[in-house]
């Protein structure tokens, strides 16, 4: 799956839609000097290859009252329970990411809470019953930046 072979048109399309997912396909077509149908076909190809995975609006958690963002490293009493714990974590709406990791933790999650008290309630009532041997919580004061991977720069290395 790694090292998908993409041509220059694919890379140009990816750069444009990564910058603005709402850009009209006809505008992409004009910028790439191809037909709208060609863009539709390429988008479908990139989706089928797994290079593109949907599109979405980004919701700002703070605007909805979720003022606390935390990263929590989890260690399980029984590491063979990974699949069960992941399924349970998916049922907790405040958990927005879950990663299997190396190092000091079995997995690492990102969570949003309304405030520190809400975070404590989630940890105590929803996470601890999952069979944790330990956890470590890091509260984020503010995200300095978030971004997409640089399409052209990264992928030019494969040419």
C-alpha atoms as a PDB file:
ATOM      1  CA  UNK A   1       0.000   0.000   0.000  1.00  0.00           C
ATOM      2  CA  UNK A   2       2.923   2.340   0.656  1.00  0.00           C
ATOM      3  CA  UNK A   3       4.628   3.918  -2.343  1.00  0.00           C
ATOM      4  CA  UNK A   4       1.465   4.219  -4.450  1.00  0.00           C
ATOM      5  CA  UNK A   5       2.506   5.278  -7.932  1.00  0.00           C
ATOM      6  CA  UNK A   6       0.961   8.668  -8.588  1.00  0.00           C
ATOM      7  CA  UNK A   7       1.602  10.790 -11.636  1.00  0.00           C
ATOM      8  CA  UNK A   8       1.947  14.557 -11.834  1.00  0.00           C
ATOM      9  CA  UNK A   9      -1.777  15.114 -12.401  1.00  0.00           C
ATOM     10  CA  UNK A  10      -2.643  13.052  -9.311  1.00  0.00           C
ATOM     11  CA  UNK A  11      -0.210  15.115  -7.240  1.00  0.00           C
ATOM     12  CA  UNK A  12      -1.545  18.387  -8.608  1.00  0.00           C
ATOM     13  CA  UNK A  13      -5.127  17.345  -7.766  1.00  0.00           C
ATOM     14  CA  UNK A  14      -4.105  16.265  -4.252  1.00  0.00           C
ATOM     15  CA  UNK A  15      -2.352  19.557  -3.615  1.00  0.00           C
ATOM     16  CA  UNK A  16      -5.416  21.553  -4.695  1.00  0.00           C
ATOM     17  CA  UNK A  17      -7.987  19.567  -2.718  1.00  0.00           C
ATOM     18  CA  UNK A  18      -5.741  19.338   0.366  1.00  0.00           C
ATOM     19  CA  UNK A  19      -5.603  23.144   0.388  1.00  0.00           C
ATOM     20  CA  UNK A  20      -9.399  23.434   0.002  1.00  0.00           C
ATOM     21  CA  UNK A  21     -11.592  20.331   0.170  1.00  0.00           C
ATOM     22  CA  UNK A  22     -14.566  22.401  -1.011  1.00  0.00           C
ATOM     23  CA  UNK A  23     -12.923  23.525  -4.252  1.00  0.00           C
ATOM     24  CA  UNK A  24     -15.262  22.771  -7.172  1.00  0.00           C
ATOM     25  CA  UNK A  25     -14.048  19.985  -9.456  1.00  0.00           C
ATOM     26  CA  UNK A  26     -14.421  22.300 -12.450  1.00  0.00           C
ATOM     27  CA  UNK A  27     -11.994  24.737 -10.820  1.00  0.00           C
ATOM     28  CA  UNK A  28      -9.570  21.846 -10.243  1.00  0.00           C
ATOM     29  CA  UNK A  29     -10.020  20.835 -13.875  1.00  0.00           C
ATOM     30  CA  UNK A  30      -9.212  24.353 -15.073  1.00  0.00           C
ATOM     31  CA  UNK A  31      -6.134  24.563 -12.851  1.00  0.00           C
ATOM     32  CA  UNK A  32      -4.955  21.183 -14.138  1.00  0.00           C
ATOM     33  CA  UNK A  33      -5.930  21.929 -17.760  1.00  0.00           C
ATOM     34  CA  UNK A  34      -8.084  18.782 -18.077  1.00  0.00           C
ATOM     35  CA  UNK A  35     -11.801  18.056 -18.297  1.00  0.00           C
ATOM     36  CA  UNK A  36     -14.141  17.882 -15.328  1.00  0.00           C
ATOM     37  CA  UNK A  37     -14.771  14.226 -16.158  1.00  0.00           C
ATOM     38  CA  UNK A  38     -11.037  13.533 -15.906  1.00  0.00           C
ATOM     39  CA  UNK A  39     -10.984  15.054 -12.418  1.00  0.00           C
ATOM     40  CA  UNK A  40     -13.951  12.935 -11.348  1.00  0.00           C
ATOM     41  CA  UNK A  41     -12.179   9.811 -12.640  1.00  0.00           C
ATOM     42  CA  UNK A  42      -8.931  10.710 -10.880  1.00  0.00           C
ATOM     43  CA  UNK A  43     -10.704  11.455  -7.599  1.00  0.00           C
ATOM     44  CA  UNK A  44     -12.439   8.071  -7.849  1.00  0.00           C
ATOM     45  CA  UNK A  45      -9.100   6.373  -8.612  1.00  0.00           C
ATOM     46  CA  UNK A  46      -7.417   8.076  -5.617  1.00  0.00           C
ATOM     47  CA  UNK A  47     -10.325   7.059  -3.406  1.00  0.00           C
ATOM     48  CA  UNK A  48     -10.194   3.450  -4.614  1.00  0.00           C
ATOM     49  CA  UNK A  49      -6.434   3.390  -3.986  1.00  0.00           C
ATOM     50  CA  UNK A  50      -7.044   4.545  -0.419  1.00  0.00           C
ATOM     51  CA  UNK A  51      -5.056   7.748  -0.942  1.00  0.00           C
ATOM     52  CA  UNK A  52      -8.197   9.822  -0.291  1.00  0.00           C
ATOM     53  CA  UNK A  53     -10.451   8.943   2.581  1.00  0.00           C
ATOM     54  CA  UNK A  54     -13.589  11.058   2.470  1.00  0.00           C
ATOM     55  CA  UNK A  55     -14.000  14.751   3.104  1.00  0.00           C
ATOM     56  CA  UNK A  56     -15.335  16.519   6.130  1.00  0.00           C
ATOM     57  CA  UNK A  57     -16.014  19.802   7.811  1.00  0.00           C
ATOM     58  CA  UNK A  58     -13.767  20.549  10.773  1.00  0.00           C
ATOM     59  CA  UNK A  59     -15.716  21.280  13.960  1.00  0.00           C
ATOM     60  CA  UNK A  60     -13.977  23.487  16.509  1.00  0.00           C
ATOM     61  CA  UNK A  61     -14.519  21.704  19.874  1.00  0.00           C
ATOM     62  CA  UNK A  62     -14.174  24.925  21.905  1.00  0.00           C
ATOM     63  CA  UNK A  63     -17.079  26.481  19.983  1.00  0.00           C
ATOM     64  CA  UNK A  64     -19.254  23.590  21.249  1.00  0.00           C
ATOM     65  CA  UNK A  65     -18.155  23.971  24.862  1.00  0.00           C
ATOM     66  CA  UNK A  66     -15.318  21.404  24.888  1.00  0.00           C
ATOM     67  CA  UNK A  67     -12.599  23.542  26.453  1.00  0.00           C
ATOM     68  CA  UNK A  68     -10.271  20.763  27.618  1.00  0.00           C
ATOM     69  CA  UNK A  69      -8.215  18.695  25.196  1.00  0.00           C
ATOM     70  CA  UNK A  70      -6.157  15.869  26.673  1.00  0.00           C
ATOM     71  CA  UNK A  71      -3.916  13.080  25.482  1.00  0.00           C
ATOM     72  CA  UNK A  72      -4.035   9.966  27.624  1.00  0.00           C
ATOM     73  CA  UNK A  73      -1.578   7.098  27.535  1.00  0.00           C
ATOM     74  CA  UNK A  74      -3.289   3.828  28.496  1.00  0.00           C
ATOM     75  CA  UNK A  75      -1.812   0.587  29.756  1.00  0.00           C
ATOM     76  CA  UNK A  76      -4.091  -2.436  29.864  1.00  0.00           C
ATOM     77  CA  UNK A  77      -4.111  -5.086  32.573  1.00  0.00           C
ATOM     78  CA  UNK A  78      -4.563  -7.647  29.804  1.00  0.00           C
ATOM     79  CA  UNK A  79      -3.021  -6.506  26.490  1.00  0.00           C
ATOM     80  CA  UNK A  80      -4.935  -9.262  24.700  1.00  0.00           C
ATOM     81  CA  UNK A  81      -8.052  -7.149  25.348  1.00  0.00           C
ATOM     82  CA  UNK A  82      -6.938  -4.525  22.779  1.00  0.00           C
ATOM     83  CA  UNK A  83      -9.814  -5.183  20.380  1.00  0.00           C
ATOM     84  CA  UNK A  84     -12.423  -5.107  23.137  1.00  0.00           C
ATOM     85  CA  UNK A  85     -11.002  -1.907  24.625  1.00  0.00           C
ATOM     86  CA  UNK A  86     -10.872  -0.220  21.205  1.00  0.00           C
ATOM     87  CA  UNK A  87     -14.520  -1.170  20.614  1.00  0.00           C
ATOM     88  CA  UNK A  88     -15.431   0.336  23.998  1.00  0.00           C
ATOM     89  CA  UNK A  89     -13.403   3.490  23.313  1.00  0.00           C
ATOM     90  CA  UNK A  90     -15.353   3.957  20.074  1.00  0.00           C
ATOM     91  CA  UNK A  91     -18.507   4.175  22.208  1.00  0.00           C
ATOM     92  CA  UNK A  92     -17.141   7.174  24.152  1.00  0.00           C
ATOM     93  CA  UNK A  93     -17.950  10.207  21.981  1.00  0.00           C
ATOM     94  CA  UNK A  94     -15.347  12.421  23.675  1.00  0.00           C
ATOM     95  CA  UNK A  95     -12.548  10.107  22.480  1.00  0.00           C
ATOM     96  CA  UNK A  96     -11.630  11.406  19.030  1.00  0.00           C
ATOM     97  CA  UNK A  97      -8.451   9.409  18.285  1.00  0.00           C
ATOM     98  CA  UNK A  98      -6.907   6.139  19.400  1.00  0.00           C
ATOM     99  CA  UNK A  99      -3.430   4.939  18.458  1.00  0.00           C
ATOM    100  CA  UNK A 100      -1.529   1.739  19.163  1.00  0.00           C
ATOM    101  CA  UNK A 101       1.912   2.840  20.305  1.00  0.00           C
ATOM    102  CA  UNK A 102       5.383   1.753  21.192  1.00  0.00           C
ATOM    103  CA  UNK A 103       7.108   2.961  24.323  1.00  0.00           C
ATOM    104  CA  UNK A 104       5.492   3.403  27.715  1.00  0.00           C
ATOM    105  CA  UNK A 105       1.856   2.903  26.692  1.00  0.00           C
ATOM    106  CA  UNK A 106      -0.224   0.219  24.989  1.00  0.00           C
ATOM    107  CA  UNK A 107      -2.341   2.892  23.337  1.00  0.00           C
ATOM    108  CA  UNK A 108      -2.685   6.648  23.268  1.00  0.00           C
ATOM    109  CA  UNK A 109      -5.985   8.511  22.959  1.00  0.00           C
ATOM    110  CA  UNK A 110      -7.064  12.078  22.299  1.00  0.00           C
ATOM    111  CA  UNK A 111     -10.086  13.248  24.205  1.00  0.00           C
ATOM    112  CA  UNK A 112     -12.153  16.417  24.469  1.00  0.00           C
ATOM    113  CA  UNK A 113     -14.028  17.385  27.621  1.00  0.00           C
ATOM    114  CA  UNK A 114     -16.090  20.389  28.606  1.00  0.00           C
ATOM    115  CA  UNK A 115     -13.747  21.175  31.495  1.00  0.00           C
ATOM    116  CA  UNK A 116     -11.371  19.442  33.910  1.00  0.00           C
ATOM    117  CA  UNK A 117     -14.228  18.089  36.032  1.00  0.00           C
ATOM    118  CA  UNK A 118     -15.844  16.524  32.964  1.00  0.00           C
ATOM    119  CA  UNK A 119     -12.447  15.035  32.036  1.00  0.00           C
ATOM    120  CA  UNK A 120     -12.134  13.500  35.499  1.00  0.00           C
ATOM    121  CA  UNK A 121     -15.617  12.018  35.180  1.00  0.00           C
ATOM    122  CA  UNK A 122     -14.775  10.458  31.811  1.00  0.00           C
ATOM    123  CA  UNK A 123     -11.535   8.988  33.137  1.00  0.00           C
ATOM    124  CA  UNK A 124     -13.171   7.638  36.299  1.00  0.00           C
ATOM    125  CA  UNK A 125     -16.509   6.459  34.903  1.00  0.00           C
ATOM    126  CA  UNK A 126     -15.668   5.463  31.324  1.00  0.00           C
ATOM    127  CA  UNK A 127     -11.952   4.696  31.042  1.00  0.00           C
ATOM    128  CA  UNK A 128     -11.053   3.021  34.342  1.00  0.00           C
ATOM    129  CA  UNK A 129     -13.726   0.290  33.947  1.00  0.00           C
ATOM    130  CA  UNK A 130     -12.032  -0.792  30.688  1.00  0.00           C
ATOM    131  CA  UNK A 131      -9.405  -2.737  32.619  1.00  0.00           C
ATOM    132  CA  UNK A 132      -6.528  -0.290  32.776  1.00  0.00           C
ATOM    133  CA  UNK A 133      -3.448  -1.030  34.806  1.00  0.00           C
ATOM    134  CA  UNK A 134      -2.412   2.621  34.535  1.00  0.00           C
ATOM    135  CA  UNK A 135      -2.934   5.811  32.592  1.00  0.00           C
ATOM    136  CA  UNK A 136      -1.200   9.145  32.213  1.00  0.00           C
ATOM    137  CA  UNK A 137      -3.037  12.296  31.200  1.00  0.00           C
ATOM    138  CA  UNK A 138      -1.484  15.277  29.470  1.00  0.00           C
ATOM    139  CA  UNK A 139      -3.691  18.343  29.067  1.00  0.00           C
ATOM    140  CA  UNK A 140      -3.123  20.468  25.970  1.00  0.00           C
ATOM    141  CA  UNK A 141      -3.305  24.194  26.581  1.00  0.00           C
ATOM    142  CA  UNK A 142      -3.576  25.007  22.878  1.00  0.00           C
ATOM    143  CA  UNK A 143      -2.705  23.461  19.523  1.00  0.00           C
ATOM    144  CA  UNK A 144       0.137  25.483  18.009  1.00  0.00           C
ATOM    145  CA  UNK A 145      -0.806  24.238  14.521  1.00  0.00           C
ATOM    146  CA  UNK A 146      -2.404  21.407  12.576  1.00  0.00           C
ATOM    147  CA  UNK A 147      -1.862  20.665   8.913  1.00  0.00           C
ATOM    148  CA  UNK A 148      -2.071  18.183   6.083  1.00  0.00           C
ATOM    149  CA  UNK A 149       1.076  16.460   4.914  1.00  0.00           C
ATOM    150  CA  UNK A 150       2.832  18.399   2.143  1.00  0.00           C
ATOM    151  CA  UNK A 151       1.648  16.594  -0.988  1.00  0.00           C
ATOM    152  CA  UNK A 152       4.088  17.677  -3.687  1.00  0.00           C
ATOM    153  CA  UNK A 153       7.228  17.910  -1.582  1.00  0.00           C
ATOM    154  CA  UNK A 154       6.792  14.529   0.074  1.00  0.00           C
ATOM    155  CA  UNK A 155       5.691  12.637  -3.016  1.00  0.00           C
ATOM    156  CA  UNK A 156       8.357  14.046  -5.360  1.00  0.00           C
ATOM    157  CA  UNK A 157      10.881  11.800  -3.623  1.00  0.00           C
ATOM    158  CA  UNK A 158       9.228   8.755  -5.247  1.00  0.00           C
ATOM    159  CA  UNK A 159       9.722  10.032  -8.812  1.00  0.00           C
END
